Amino acid sequence: VLDGHKLGGILTETKIHKGQITQAVIGVGINWANPVP
């Protein structure tokens, strides 16, 4: 958050095997020069 507005967000996805996270992907979106709501 920047100045009370959303600058970006994070989405984490995982793969599980025998109760453990074996792989993960951390996704990030940041508003740079794109139009925003």
Full PDB file with SEQRES, HELIX, SHEET, SSBOND, CRYST1, ORIGX, SCALE, CONECT and MASTER records, all heavy atoms in Angstrom:
SEQRES   1 A   37  VAL LEU ASP GLY HIS LYS LEU GLY GLY ILE LEU THR GLU          
SEQRES   2 A   37  THR LYS ILE HIS LYS GLY GLN ILE THR GLN ALA VAL ILE          
SEQRES   3 A   37  GLY VAL GLY ILE ASN TRP ALA ASN PRO VAL PRO                  
SHEET    1 AA1 2 GLY A   8  HIS A  17  0                                        
SHEET    2 AA1 2 GLN A  20  ILE A  30 -1                                        
CRYST1    1.000    1.000    1.000  90.00  90.00  90.00 P 1           1          
ORIGX1      1.000000  0.000000  0.000000        0.00000                         
ORIGX2      0.000000  1.000000  0.000000        0.00000                         
ORIGX3      0.000000  0.000000  1.000000        0.00000                         
SCALE1      1.000000  0.000000  0.000000        0.00000                         
SCALE2      0.000000  1.000000  0.000000        0.00000                         
SCALE3      0.000000  0.000000  1.000000        0.00000                         
ATOM      1  N   VAL A   1       0.838  -1.198   0.000  1.00  0.00           N  
ATOM      2  CA  VAL A   1       0.000   0.000   0.000  1.00  0.00           C  
ATOM      3  C   VAL A   1       0.871   1.246   0.000  1.00  0.00           C  
ATOM      4  O   VAL A   1       1.880   1.326   0.710  1.00  0.00           O  
ATOM      5  CB  VAL A   1      -0.922   0.001   1.239  1.00  0.00           C  
ATOM      6  CG1 VAL A   1      -1.768   1.256   1.281  1.00  0.00           C  
ATOM      7  CG2 VAL A   1      -1.810  -1.234   1.233  1.00  0.00           C  
ATOM      8  N   LEU A   2       0.465   2.237  -0.792  1.00  0.00           N  
ATOM      9  CA  LEU A   2       1.159   3.511  -0.880  1.00  0.00           C  
ATOM     10  C   LEU A   2       0.115   4.618  -0.830  1.00  0.00           C  
ATOM     11  O   LEU A   2      -0.830   4.619  -1.633  1.00  0.00           O  
ATOM     12  CB  LEU A   2       1.963   3.573  -2.184  1.00  0.00           C  
ATOM     13  CG  LEU A   2       2.788   4.834  -2.453  1.00  0.00           C  
ATOM     14  CD1 LEU A   2       3.857   5.035  -1.385  1.00  0.00           C  
ATOM     15  CD2 LEU A   2       3.429   4.757  -3.840  1.00  0.00           C  
ATOM     16  N   ASP A   3       0.257   5.535   0.115  1.00  0.00           N  
ATOM     17  CA  ASP A   3      -0.710   6.630   0.288  1.00  0.00           C  
ATOM     18  C   ASP A   3      -2.149   6.116   0.398  1.00  0.00           C  
ATOM     19  O   ASP A   3      -3.083   6.718  -0.155  1.00  0.00           O  
ATOM     20  CB  ASP A   3      -0.602   7.632  -0.873  1.00  0.00           C  
ATOM     21  CG  ASP A   3       0.620   8.533  -0.750  1.00  0.00           C  
ATOM     22  OD1 ASP A   3       1.311   8.463   0.275  1.00  0.00           O  
ATOM     23  OD2 ASP A   3       0.875   9.306  -1.695  1.00  0.00           O  
ATOM     24  N   GLY A   4      -2.346   5.004   1.083  1.00  0.00           N  
ATOM     25  CA  GLY A   4      -3.679   4.467   1.312  1.00  0.00           C  
ATOM     26  C   GLY A   4      -4.276   3.734   0.136  1.00  0.00           C  
ATOM     27  O   GLY A   4      -5.436   3.314   0.188  1.00  0.00           O  
ATOM     28  N   HIS A   5      -3.533   3.551  -0.933  1.00  0.00           N  
ATOM     29  CA  HIS A   5      -4.022   2.893  -2.140  1.00  0.00           C  
ATOM     30  C   HIS A   5      -3.168   1.667  -2.450  1.00  0.00           C  
ATOM     31  O   HIS A   5      -1.988   1.602  -2.086  1.00  0.00           O  
ATOM     32  CB  HIS A   5      -4.010   3.854  -3.324  1.00  0.00           C  
ATOM     33  CG  HIS A   5      -5.022   4.950  -3.218  1.00  0.00           C  
ATOM     34  ND1 HIS A   5      -4.938   5.942  -2.271  1.00  0.00           N  
ATOM     35  CD2 HIS A   5      -6.147   5.205  -3.936  1.00  0.00           C  
ATOM     36  CE1 HIS A   5      -5.962   6.775  -2.406  1.00  0.00           C  
ATOM     37  NE2 HIS A   5      -6.719   6.344  -3.407  1.00  0.00           N  
ATOM     38  N   LYS A   6      -3.752   0.723  -3.163  1.00  0.00           N  
ATOM     39  CA  LYS A   6      -3.063  -0.535  -3.450  1.00  0.00           C  
ATOM     40  C   LYS A   6      -2.018  -0.340  -4.543  1.00  0.00           C  
ATOM     41  O   LYS A   6      -2.335   0.031  -5.674  1.00  0.00           O  
ATOM     42  CB  LYS A   6      -4.066  -1.613  -3.873  1.00  0.00           C  
ATOM     43  CG  LYS A   6      -3.424  -2.983  -4.088  1.00  0.00           C  
ATOM     44  CD  LYS A   6      -4.470  -4.057  -4.256  1.00  0.00           C  
ATOM     45  CE  LYS A   6      -3.829  -5.432  -4.429  1.00  0.00           C  
ATOM     46  NZ  LYS A   6      -4.824  -6.524  -4.452  1.00  0.00           N  
ATOM     47  N   LEU A   7      -0.762  -0.622  -4.180  1.00  0.00           N  
ATOM     48  CA  LEU A   7       0.335  -0.575  -5.134  1.00  0.00           C  
ATOM     49  C   LEU A   7       0.586  -1.943  -5.758  1.00  0.00           C  
ATOM     50  O   LEU A   7       0.975  -2.041  -6.920  1.00  0.00           O  
ATOM     51  CB  LEU A   7       1.610  -0.081  -4.446  1.00  0.00           C  
ATOM     52  CG  LEU A   7       2.869  -0.040  -5.306  1.00  0.00           C  
ATOM     53  CD1 LEU A   7       2.740   1.022  -6.399  1.00  0.00           C  
ATOM     54  CD2 LEU A   7       4.102   0.222  -4.441  1.00  0.00           C  
ATOM     55  N   GLY A   8       0.361  -2.995  -4.985  1.00  0.00           N  
ATOM     56  CA  GLY A   8       0.623  -4.336  -5.498  1.00  0.00           C  
ATOM     57  C   GLY A   8       0.125  -5.399  -4.548  1.00  0.00           C  
ATOM     58  O   GLY A   8      -0.411  -5.112  -3.478  1.00  0.00           O  
ATOM     59  N   GLY A   9       0.311  -6.636  -4.970  1.00  0.00           N  
ATOM     60  CA  GLY A   9      -0.132  -7.769  -4.156  1.00  0.00           C  
ATOM     61  C   GLY A   9       0.720  -8.993  -4.425  1.00  0.00           C  
ATOM     62  O   GLY A   9       1.533  -9.022  -5.363  1.00  0.00           O  
ATOM     63  N   ILE A  10       0.520  -9.998  -3.583  1.00  0.00           N  
ATOM     64  CA  ILE A  10       1.331 -11.213  -3.617  1.00  0.00           C  
ATOM     65  C   ILE A  10       0.413 -12.429  -3.602  1.00  0.00           C  
ATOM     66  O   ILE A  10      -0.556 -12.474  -2.840  1.00  0.00           O  
ATOM     67  CB  ILE A  10       2.283 -11.259  -2.405  1.00  0.00           C  
ATOM     68  CG1 ILE A  10       3.274 -10.078  -2.479  1.00  0.00           C  
ATOM     69  CG2 ILE A  10       3.048 -12.581  -2.329  1.00  0.00           C  
ATOM     70  CD1 ILE A  10       3.923  -9.751  -1.164  1.00  0.00           C  
ATOM     71  N   LEU A  11       0.730 -13.408  -4.432  1.00  0.00           N  
ATOM     72  CA  LEU A  11       0.007 -14.672  -4.470  1.00  0.00           C  
ATOM     73  C   LEU A  11       1.016 -15.810  -4.395  1.00  0.00           C  
ATOM     74  O   LEU A  11       1.857 -15.954  -5.282  1.00  0.00           O  
ATOM     75  CB  LEU A  11      -0.822 -14.807  -5.748  1.00  0.00           C  
ATOM     76  CG  LEU A  11      -1.496 -16.170  -5.963  1.00  0.00           C  
ATOM     77  CD1 LEU A  11      -2.551 -16.424  -4.889  1.00  0.00           C  
ATOM     78  CD2 LEU A  11      -2.116 -16.260  -7.355  1.00  0.00           C  
ATOM     79  N   THR A  12       0.916 -16.599  -3.336  1.00  0.00           N  
ATOM     80  CA  THR A  12       1.797 -17.751  -3.161  1.00  0.00           C  
ATOM     81  C   THR A  12       1.039 -19.034  -3.476  1.00  0.00           C  
ATOM     82  O   THR A  12      -0.062 -19.256  -2.965  1.00  0.00           O  
ATOM     83  CB  THR A  12       2.329 -17.821  -1.717  1.00  0.00           C  
ATOM     84  OG1 THR A  12       3.050 -16.621  -1.430  1.00  0.00           O  
ATOM     85  CG2 THR A  12       3.246 -19.014  -1.527  1.00  0.00           C  
ATOM     86  N   GLU A  13       1.639 -19.879  -4.307  1.00  0.00           N  
ATOM     87  CA  GLU A  13       1.083 -21.186  -4.636  1.00  0.00           C  
ATOM     88  C   GLU A  13       2.112 -22.252  -4.269  1.00  0.00           C  
ATOM     89  O   GLU A  13       3.317 -22.027  -4.402  1.00  0.00           O  
ATOM     90  CB  GLU A  13       0.742 -21.278  -6.124  1.00  0.00           C  
ATOM     91  CG  GLU A  13      -0.327 -20.284  -6.554  1.00  0.00           C  
ATOM     92  CD  GLU A  13      -0.599 -20.325  -8.048  1.00  0.00           C  
ATOM     93  OE1 GLU A  13       0.349 -20.609  -8.820  1.00  0.00           O  
ATOM     94  OE2 GLU A  13      -1.744 -20.075  -8.446  1.00  0.00           O  
ATOM     95  N   THR A  14       1.628 -23.410  -3.803  1.00  0.00           N  
ATOM     96  CA  THR A  14       2.545 -24.451  -3.333  1.00  0.00           C  
ATOM     97  C   THR A  14       2.142 -25.822  -3.855  1.00  0.00           C  
ATOM     98  O   THR A  14       0.995 -26.052  -4.234  1.00  0.00           O  
ATOM     99  CB  THR A  14       2.566 -24.503  -1.796  1.00  0.00           C  
ATOM    100  OG1 THR A  14       1.240 -24.774  -1.324  1.00  0.00           O  
ATOM    101  CG2 THR A  14       3.062 -23.206  -1.191  1.00  0.00           C  
ATOM    102  N   LYS A  15       3.115 -26.728  -3.826  1.00  0.00           N  
ATOM    103  CA  LYS A  15       2.865 -28.146  -4.039  1.00  0.00           C  
ATOM    104  C   LYS A  15       3.291 -28.887  -2.778  1.00  0.00           C  
ATOM    105  O   LYS A  15       4.348 -28.612  -2.202  1.00  0.00           O  
ATOM    106  CB  LYS A  15       3.624 -28.654  -5.262  1.00  0.00           C  
ATOM    107  CG  LYS A  15       3.038 -28.126  -6.564  1.00  0.00           C  
ATOM    108  CD  LYS A  15       3.612 -28.828  -7.778  1.00  0.00           C  
ATOM    109  CE  LYS A  15       2.905 -28.349  -9.054  1.00  0.00           C  
ATOM    110  NZ  LYS A  15       3.464 -28.988 -10.265  1.00  0.00           N  
ATOM    111  N   ILE A  16       2.433 -29.829  -2.353  1.00  0.00           N  
ATOM    112  CA  ILE A  16       2.605 -30.513  -1.074  1.00  0.00           C  
ATOM    113  C   ILE A  16       2.886 -31.993  -1.306  1.00  0.00           C  
ATOM    114  O   ILE A  16       2.264 -32.625  -2.175  1.00  0.00           O  
ATOM    115  CB  ILE A  16       1.338 -30.365  -0.195  1.00  0.00           C  
ATOM    116  CG1 ILE A  16       0.897 -28.901  -0.096  1.00  0.00           C  
ATOM    117  CG2 ILE A  16       1.554 -30.980   1.178  1.00  0.00           C  
ATOM    118  CD1 ILE A  16       1.876 -28.000   0.582  1.00  0.00           C  
ATOM    119  N   HIS A  17       3.802 -32.542  -0.511  1.00  0.00           N  
ATOM    120  CA  HIS A  17       4.051 -33.985  -0.530  1.00  0.00           C  
ATOM    121  C   HIS A  17       4.375 -34.442   0.884  1.00  0.00           C  
ATOM    122  O   HIS A  17       5.296 -33.928   1.520  1.00  0.00           O  
ATOM    123  CB  HIS A  17       5.214 -34.324  -1.466  1.00  0.00           C  
ATOM    124  CG  HIS A  17       5.508 -35.802  -1.555  1.00  0.00           C  
ATOM    125  ND1 HIS A  17       4.632 -36.704  -2.133  1.00  0.00           N  
ATOM    126  CD2 HIS A  17       6.567 -36.527  -1.109  1.00  0.00           C  
ATOM    127  CE1 HIS A  17       5.142 -37.912  -2.059  1.00  0.00           C  
ATOM    128  NE2 HIS A  17       6.318 -37.835  -1.450  1.00  0.00           N  
ATOM    129  N   LYS A  18       3.580 -35.381   1.374  1.00  0.00           N  
ATOM    130  CA  LYS A  18       3.777 -35.949   2.714  1.00  0.00           C  
ATOM    131  C   LYS A  18       3.866 -34.868   3.790  1.00  0.00           C  
ATOM    132  O   LYS A  18       4.724 -34.894   4.668  1.00  0.00           O  
ATOM    133  CB  LYS A  18       5.021 -36.823   2.744  1.00  0.00           C  
ATOM    134  CG  LYS A  18       4.892 -38.076   1.873  1.00  0.00           C  
ATOM    135  CD  LYS A  18       6.117 -38.970   1.981  1.00  0.00           C  
ATOM    136  CE  LYS A  18       5.929 -40.237   1.151  1.00  0.00           C  
ATOM    137  NZ  LYS A  18       7.119 -41.127   1.216  1.00  0.00           N  
ATOM    138  N   GLY A  19       2.940 -33.915   3.697  1.00  0.00           N  
ATOM    139  CA  GLY A  19       2.847 -32.896   4.745  1.00  0.00           C  
ATOM    140  C   GLY A  19       3.879 -31.795   4.655  1.00  0.00           C  
ATOM    141  O   GLY A  19       3.953 -30.945   5.551  1.00  0.00           O  
ATOM    142  N   GLN A  20       4.681 -31.772   3.588  1.00  0.00           N  
ATOM    143  CA  GLN A  20       5.707 -30.747   3.432  1.00  0.00           C  
ATOM    144  C   GLN A  20       5.526 -30.021   2.104  1.00  0.00           C  
ATOM    145  O   GLN A  20       5.081 -30.611   1.110  1.00  0.00           O  
ATOM    146  CB  GLN A  20       7.109 -31.377   3.470  1.00  0.00           C  
ATOM    147  CG  GLN A  20       7.469 -32.023   4.791  1.00  0.00           C  
ATOM    148  CD  GLN A  20       7.618 -31.012   5.918  1.00  0.00           C  
ATOM    149  OE1 GLN A  20       8.307 -30.000   5.770  1.00  0.00           O  
ATOM    150  NE2 GLN A  20       6.954 -31.258   7.034  1.00  0.00           N  
ATOM    151  N   ILE A  21       5.866 -28.733   2.107  1.00  0.00           N  
ATOM    152  CA  ILE A  21       5.876 -27.971   0.857  1.00  0.00           C  
ATOM    153  C   ILE A  21       7.131 -28.354   0.088  1.00  0.00           C  
ATOM    154  O   ILE A  21       8.252 -28.140   0.564  1.00  0.00           O  
ATOM    155  CB  ILE A  21       5.854 -26.458   1.126  1.00  0.00           C  
ATOM    156  CG1 ILE A  21       4.570 -26.064   1.858  1.00  0.00           C  
ATOM    157  CG2 ILE A  21       5.972 -25.672  -0.179  1.00  0.00           C  
ATOM    158  CD1 ILE A  21       4.539 -24.610   2.304  1.00  0.00           C  
ATOM    159  N   THR A  22       6.961 -28.931  -1.076  1.00  0.00           N  
ATOM    160  CA  THR A  22       8.114 -29.348  -1.871  1.00  0.00           C  
ATOM    161  C   THR A  22       8.525 -28.275  -2.884  1.00  0.00           C  
ATOM    162  O   THR A  22       9.704 -28.157  -3.215  1.00  0.00           O  
ATOM    163  CB  THR A  22       7.801 -30.650  -2.630  1.00  0.00           C  
ATOM    164  OG1 THR A  22       6.623 -30.466  -3.419  1.00  0.00           O  
ATOM    165  CG2 THR A  22       7.569 -31.798  -1.643  1.00  0.00           C  
ATOM    166  N   GLN A  23       7.561 -27.525  -3.384  1.00  0.00           N  
ATOM    167  CA  GLN A  23       7.840 -26.430  -4.313  1.00  0.00           C  
ATOM    168  C   GLN A  23       6.851 -25.307  -4.047  1.00  0.00           C  
ATOM    169  O   GLN A  23       5.733 -25.542  -3.588  1.00  0.00           O  
ATOM    170  CB  GLN A  23       7.695 -26.888  -5.769  1.00  0.00           C  
ATOM    171  CG  GLN A  23       8.725 -27.895  -6.232  1.00  0.00           C  
ATOM    172  CD  GLN A  23       8.460 -28.336  -7.672  1.00  0.00           C  
ATOM    173  OE1 GLN A  23       7.322 -28.557  -8.069  1.00  0.00           O  
ATOM    174  NE2 GLN A  23       9.523 -28.462  -8.455  1.00  0.00           N  
ATOM    175  N   ALA A  24       7.288 -24.097  -4.346  1.00  0.00           N  
ATOM    176  CA  ALA A  24       6.397 -22.945  -4.206  1.00  0.00           C  
ATOM    177  C   ALA A  24       6.713 -21.924  -5.280  1.00  0.00           C  
ATOM    178  O   ALA A  24       7.861 -21.826  -5.742  1.00  0.00           O  
ATOM    179  CB  ALA A  24       6.536 -22.307  -2.823  1.00  0.00           C  
ATOM    180  N   VAL A  25       5.697 -21.187  -5.683  1.00  0.00           N  
ATOM    181  CA  VAL A  25       5.866 -20.061  -6.594  1.00  0.00           C  
ATOM    182  C   VAL A  25       5.265 -18.834  -5.926  1.00  0.00           C  
ATOM    183  O   VAL A  25       4.102 -18.851  -5.500  1.00  0.00           O  
ATOM    184  CB  VAL A  25       5.193 -20.323  -7.954  1.00  0.00           C  
ATOM    185  CG1 VAL A  25       5.160 -19.048  -8.787  1.00  0.00           C  
ATOM    186  CG2 VAL A  25       5.918 -21.435  -8.711  1.00  0.00           C  
ATOM    187  N   ILE A  26       6.081 -17.798  -5.809  1.00  0.00           N  
ATOM    188  CA  ILE A  26       5.638 -16.538  -5.218  1.00  0.00           C  
ATOM    189  C   ILE A  26       5.409 -15.554  -6.355  1.00  0.00           C  
ATOM    190  O   ILE A  26       6.341 -15.176  -7.068  1.00  0.00           O  
ATOM    191  CB  ILE A  26       6.677 -15.981  -4.236  1.00  0.00           C  
ATOM    192  CG1 ILE A  26       6.895 -16.973  -3.085  1.00  0.00           C  
ATOM    193  CG2 ILE A  26       6.238 -14.615  -3.694  1.00  0.00           C  
ATOM    194  CD1 ILE A  26       8.091 -16.646  -2.224  1.00  0.00           C  
ATOM    195  N   GLY A  27       4.148 -15.162  -6.549  1.00  0.00           N  
ATOM    196  CA  GLY A  27       3.795 -14.221  -7.604  1.00  0.00           C  
ATOM    197  C   GLY A  27       3.580 -12.827  -7.038  1.00  0.00           C  
ATOM    198  O   GLY A  27       2.964 -12.666  -5.982  1.00  0.00           O  
ATOM    199  N   VAL A  28       4.101 -11.828  -7.739  1.00  0.00           N  
ATOM    200  CA  VAL A  28       3.987 -10.432  -7.299  1.00  0.00           C  
ATOM    201  C   VAL A  28       3.512  -9.575  -8.464  1.00  0.00           C  
ATOM    202  O   VAL A  28       4.020  -9.701  -9.587  1.00  0.00           O  
ATOM    203  CB  VAL A  28       5.347  -9.892  -6.799  1.00  0.00           C  
ATOM    204  CG1 VAL A  28       5.207  -8.438  -6.335  1.00  0.00           C  
ATOM    205  CG2 VAL A  28       5.900 -10.763  -5.688  1.00  0.00           C  
ATOM    206  N   GLY A  29       2.536  -8.714  -8.204  1.00  0.00           N  
ATOM    207  CA  GLY A  29       2.112  -7.717  -9.176  1.00  0.00           C  
ATOM    208  C   GLY A  29       2.305  -6.333  -8.588  1.00  0.00           C  
ATOM    209  O   GLY A  29       1.879  -6.073  -7.460  1.00  0.00           O  
ATOM    210  N   ILE A  30       2.983  -5.451  -9.312  1.00  0.00           N  
ATOM    211  CA  ILE A  30       3.219  -4.075  -8.861  1.00  0.00           C  
ATOM    212  C   ILE A  30       2.749  -3.114  -9.953  1.00  0.00           C  
ATOM    213  O   ILE A  30       3.089  -3.275 -11.128  1.00  0.00           O  
ATOM    214  CB  ILE A  30       4.715  -3.813  -8.587  1.00  0.00           C  
ATOM    215  CG1 ILE A  30       5.280  -4.793  -7.556  1.00  0.00           C  
ATOM    216  CG2 ILE A  30       4.931  -2.365  -8.132  1.00  0.00           C  
ATOM    217  CD1 ILE A  30       4.868  -4.524  -6.139  1.00  0.00           C  
ATOM    218  N   ASN A  31       1.985  -2.115  -9.568  1.00  0.00           N  
ATOM    219  CA  ASN A  31       1.546  -1.095 -10.516  1.00  0.00           C  
ATOM    220  C   ASN A  31       2.702  -0.142 -10.815  1.00  0.00           C  
ATOM    221  O   ASN A  31       3.134   0.608  -9.931  1.00  0.00           O  
ATOM    222  CB  ASN A  31       0.360  -0.308  -9.957  1.00  0.00           C  
ATOM    223  CG  ASN A  31      -0.852  -1.180  -9.718  1.00  0.00           C  
ATOM    224  OD1 ASN A  31      -1.136  -2.088 -10.495  1.00  0.00           O  
ATOM    225  ND2 ASN A  31      -1.578  -0.903  -8.640  1.00  0.00           N  
ATOM    226  N   TRP A  32       3.172  -0.158 -12.050  1.00  0.00           N  
ATOM    227  CA  TRP A  32       4.273   0.730 -12.449  1.00  0.00           C  
ATOM    228  C   TRP A  32       3.738   1.865 -13.338  1.00  0.00           C  
ATOM    229  O   TRP A  32       3.594   2.990 -12.889  1.00  0.00           O  
ATOM    230  CB  TRP A  32       5.368  -0.063 -13.155  1.00  0.00           C  
ATOM    231  CG  TRP A  32       6.409   0.780 -13.803  1.00  0.00           C  
ATOM    232  CD1 TRP A  32       6.659   0.917 -15.141  1.00  0.00           C  
ATOM    233  CD2 TRP A  32       7.356   1.651 -13.143  1.00  0.00           C  
ATOM    234  NE1 TRP A  32       7.685   1.811 -15.364  1.00  0.00           N  
ATOM    235  CE2 TRP A  32       8.131   2.283 -14.160  1.00  0.00           C  
ATOM    236  CE3 TRP A  32       7.593   1.977 -11.813  1.00  0.00           C  
ATOM    237  CZ2 TRP A  32       9.137   3.201 -13.873  1.00  0.00           C  
ATOM    238  CZ3 TRP A  32       8.607   2.896 -11.524  1.00  0.00           C  
ATOM    239  CH2 TRP A  32       9.365   3.496 -12.543  1.00  0.00           C  
ATOM    240  N   ALA A  33       3.439   1.559 -14.606  1.00  0.00           N  
ATOM    241  CA  ALA A  33       2.915   2.583 -15.509  1.00  0.00           C  
ATOM    242  C   ALA A  33       1.557   2.187 -16.080  1.00  0.00           C  
ATOM    243  O   ALA A  33       1.080   2.798 -17.026  1.00  0.00           O  
ATOM    244  CB  ALA A  33       3.911   2.846 -16.639  1.00  0.00           C  
ATOM    245  N   ASN A  34       0.955   1.190 -15.510  1.00  0.00           N  
ATOM    246  CA  ASN A  34      -0.330   0.666 -15.994  1.00  0.00           C  
ATOM    247  C   ASN A  34      -1.503   1.455 -15.402  1.00  0.00           C  
ATOM    248  O   ASN A  34      -1.383   2.044 -14.325  1.00  0.00           O  
ATOM    249  CB  ASN A  34      -0.470  -0.808 -15.621  1.00  0.00           C  
ATOM    250  CG  ASN A  34      -0.244  -1.037 -14.132  1.00  0.00           C  
ATOM    251  OD1 ASN A  34       0.867  -0.850 -13.636  1.00  0.00           O  
ATOM    252  ND2 ASN A  34      -1.277  -1.444 -13.410  1.00  0.00           N  
ATOM    253  N   PRO A  35      -2.643   1.458 -16.075  1.00  0.00           N  
ATOM    254  CA  PRO A  35      -3.845   2.068 -15.481  1.00  0.00           C  
ATOM    255  C   PRO A  35      -4.285   1.281 -14.251  1.00  0.00           C  
ATOM    256  O   PRO A  35      -4.101   0.067 -14.187  1.00  0.00           O  
ATOM    257  CB  PRO A  35      -4.880   1.975 -16.608  1.00  0.00           C  
ATOM    258  CG  PRO A  35      -4.397   0.894 -17.506  1.00  0.00           C  
ATOM    259  CD  PRO A  35      -2.901   0.914 -17.429  1.00  0.00           C  
ATOM    260  N   VAL A  36      -4.867   1.979 -13.271  1.00  0.00           N  
ATOM    261  CA  VAL A  36      -5.276   1.339 -12.025  1.00  0.00           C  
ATOM    262  C   VAL A  36      -6.698   1.760 -11.683  1.00  0.00           C  
ATOM    263  O   VAL A  36      -7.172   2.815 -12.113  1.00  0.00           O  
ATOM    264  CB  VAL A  36      -4.336   1.707 -10.850  1.00  0.00           C  
ATOM    265  CG1 VAL A  36      -2.926   1.208 -11.108  1.00  0.00           C  
ATOM    266  CG2 VAL A  36      -4.330   3.222 -10.615  1.00  0.00           C  
ATOM    267  N   PRO A  37      -7.415   0.951 -10.877  1.00  0.00           N  
ATOM    268  CA  PRO A  37      -8.753   1.352 -10.418  1.00  0.00           C  
ATOM    269  C   PRO A  37      -8.658   2.461  -9.373  1.00  0.00           C  
ATOM    270  O   PRO A  37      -7.570   2.866  -8.964  1.00  0.00           O  
ATOM    271  CB  PRO A  37      -9.304   0.053  -9.815  1.00  0.00           C  
ATOM    272  CG  PRO A  37      -8.085  -0.708  -9.395  1.00  0.00           C  
ATOM    273  CD  PRO A  37      -7.036  -0.396 -10.414  1.00  0.00           C  
TER     274      PRO A  37                                                      
MASTER        0    0    0    0    2    0    0    6  273    1    0    3          
END                                                                             
